[in-house]
């Protein structure tokens, strides 16, 4: 339990933007495969749920902190909604943004972030910096 709490304390301190997390399971051929597994499956599931829920909250908090800012975004294609493009900013987050209909993949754009969502940012084109 102390190791788990140390992990939870670490994600609070570091505030990773995202994290891949899984229940512990020994892999054949590794030293860990010889260890006795003393944590019941139910407890592993409980801990994983707590860890992933807190990480989702941190990710949303980080994404919301970008609201109102202008980010440089490399357009990569269409967004899910009509009139929307999608790309990545320098911070490697997905940004979906409305535009003037002239943005194409490879364009470098300035985008005002209007909403930090759980998995991405949403915004509106301010200007194109360069065409790809």
Protein backbone atom coordinates (compact mmCIF):
# COMPACT_ATOMS: atom_id res chain seq x y z
CA UNK A 1 0.00 0.00 0.00
CA UNK A 2 2.89 2.34 0.78
CA UNK A 3 4.34 1.83 -2.74
CA UNK A 4 0.96 2.60 -4.26
CA UNK A 5 0.65 5.78 -2.20
CA UNK A 6 4.15 6.79 -3.31
CA UNK A 7 3.00 6.36 -6.91
CA UNK A 8 -0.09 8.51 -6.30
CA UNK A 9 2.08 11.16 -4.63
CA UNK A 10 4.42 11.10 -7.62
CA UNK A 11 1.68 11.73 -10.18
CA UNK A 12 0.48 14.66 -8.04
CA UNK A 13 3.96 16.13 -7.89
CA UNK A 14 5.01 15.55 -11.50
CA UNK A 15 1.57 16.07 -13.10
CA UNK A 16 2.19 14.02 -16.23
CA UNK A 17 0.07 15.07 -19.18
CA UNK A 18 -0.74 11.43 -19.78
CA UNK A 19 0.35 8.04 -18.55
CA UNK A 20 0.01 4.46 -19.68
CA UNK A 21 -0.84 2.31 -16.69
CA UNK A 22 -1.65 -1.34 -16.24
CA UNK A 23 -2.08 -3.84 -13.46
CA UNK A 24 1.13 -5.56 -12.47
CA UNK A 25 1.60 -9.00 -13.97
CA UNK A 26 4.87 -10.93 -14.04
CA UNK A 27 6.32 -11.71 -17.44
CA UNK A 28 7.69 -15.21 -18.10
CA UNK A 29 11.47 -15.35 -18.15
CA UNK A 30 11.93 -12.25 -15.98
CA UNK A 31 13.11 -12.06 -12.38
CA UNK A 32 9.66 -10.81 -11.40
CA UNK A 33 8.12 -14.09 -12.62
CA UNK A 34 9.73 -15.76 -9.60
CA UNK A 35 8.19 -13.35 -7.07
CA UNK A 36 5.16 -14.34 -5.07
CA UNK A 37 2.25 -12.12 -6.09
CA UNK A 38 0.87 -10.89 -2.78
CA UNK A 39 -1.58 -8.28 -4.07
CA UNK A 40 -5.04 -9.70 -4.82
CA UNK A 41 -6.53 -8.99 -8.28
CA UNK A 42 -9.38 -7.02 -6.73
CA UNK A 43 -6.87 -4.70 -5.03
CA UNK A 44 -4.87 -4.30 -8.24
CA UNK A 45 -8.07 -3.27 -10.04
CA UNK A 46 -8.99 -0.80 -7.30
CA UNK A 47 -5.57 0.83 -7.39
CA UNK A 48 -5.50 1.02 -11.18
CA UNK A 49 -8.95 2.65 -11.20
CA UNK A 50 -7.84 5.26 -8.65
CA UNK A 51 -4.62 5.99 -10.51
CA UNK A 52 -6.27 6.31 -13.92
CA UNK A 53 -9.12 8.46 -12.61
CA UNK A 54 -6.67 10.90 -11.00
CA UNK A 55 -4.58 10.97 -14.17
CA UNK A 56 -7.69 11.81 -16.22
CA UNK A 57 -8.41 14.70 -13.84
CA UNK A 58 -4.84 16.00 -14.11
CA UNK A 59 -4.94 15.76 -17.91
CA UNK A 60 -8.19 17.75 -18.01
CA UNK A 61 -6.75 20.38 -15.63
CA UNK A 62 -3.67 20.75 -17.83
CA UNK A 63 -5.77 20.98 -21.01
CA UNK A 64 -8.04 23.61 -19.43
CA UNK A 65 -4.99 25.67 -18.46
CA UNK A 66 -4.46 26.37 -22.19
CA UNK A 67 -7.87 28.05 -22.57
CA UNK A 68 -7.42 31.59 -23.88
CA UNK A 69 -3.89 31.01 -25.12
CA UNK A 70 -2.71 31.00 -28.74
CA UNK A 71 -0.73 27.95 -29.85
CA UNK A 72 1.17 27.16 -33.01
CA UNK A 73 -0.48 24.11 -34.61
CA UNK A 74 0.64 21.98 -37.54
CA UNK A 75 -2.53 21.12 -39.47
CA UNK A 76 -2.65 17.42 -40.29
CA UNK A 77 -6.13 16.85 -41.65
CA UNK A 78 -9.84 17.30 -41.11
CA UNK A 79 -11.39 17.41 -37.69
CA UNK A 80 -14.42 15.34 -36.72
CA UNK A 81 -16.84 18.19 -37.32
CA UNK A 82 -17.48 20.01 -40.61
CA UNK A 83 -15.31 23.12 -41.04
CA UNK A 84 -12.79 21.84 -38.56
CA UNK A 85 -9.12 20.92 -38.97
CA UNK A 86 -7.03 18.80 -36.67
CA UNK A 87 -3.35 18.86 -35.84
CA UNK A 88 -0.76 18.89 -33.10
CA UNK A 89 0.78 21.80 -31.23
CA UNK A 90 4.43 21.93 -30.17
CA UNK A 91 3.40 20.46 -26.82
CA UNK A 92 2.22 17.39 -28.81
CA UNK A 93 -1.45 17.75 -27.93
CA UNK A 94 -4.22 17.22 -30.46
CA UNK A 95 -5.87 20.50 -31.40
CA UNK A 96 -9.16 20.59 -33.32
CA UNK A 97 -10.00 24.02 -34.69
CA UNK A 98 -12.47 25.83 -36.89
CA UNK A 99 -11.00 27.73 -39.80
CA UNK A 100 -11.70 29.73 -42.95
CA UNK A 101 -11.92 26.67 -45.22
CA UNK A 102 -8.46 27.28 -46.66
CA UNK A 103 -6.33 25.37 -44.14
CA UNK A 104 -4.74 22.24 -45.54
CA UNK A 105 -2.40 19.56 -44.13
CA UNK A 106 1.08 20.95 -43.64
CA UNK A 107 -0.08 24.49 -42.83
CA UNK A 108 1.37 26.00 -39.68
CA UNK A 109 -1.39 27.91 -37.91
CA UNK A 110 -1.92 30.07 -34.87
CA UNK A 111 -4.97 28.82 -33.00
CA UNK A 112 -6.76 30.43 -30.05
CA UNK A 113 -7.68 27.69 -27.59
CA UNK A 114 -11.26 28.01 -26.44
CA UNK A 115 -11.74 24.71 -24.61
CA UNK A 116 -9.54 22.17 -22.94
CA UNK A 117 -11.23 18.79 -23.28
CA UNK A 118 -10.35 15.46 -21.71
CA UNK A 119 -8.31 14.24 -24.69
CA UNK A 120 -7.66 17.31 -26.83
CA UNK A 121 -7.91 21.07 -27.21
CA UNK A 122 -10.52 22.97 -29.26
CA UNK A 123 -10.01 26.35 -30.80
CA UNK A 124 -10.36 28.77 -33.68
CA UNK A 125 -7.86 29.75 -36.34
CA UNK A 126 -6.25 33.14 -35.71
CA UNK A 127 -3.95 33.05 -38.74
CA UNK A 128 -1.86 30.82 -40.93
CA UNK A 129 1.86 31.28 -40.33
CA UNK A 130 2.96 29.30 -43.36
CA UNK A 131 1.51 27.01 -46.01
CA UNK A 132 2.70 23.43 -46.31
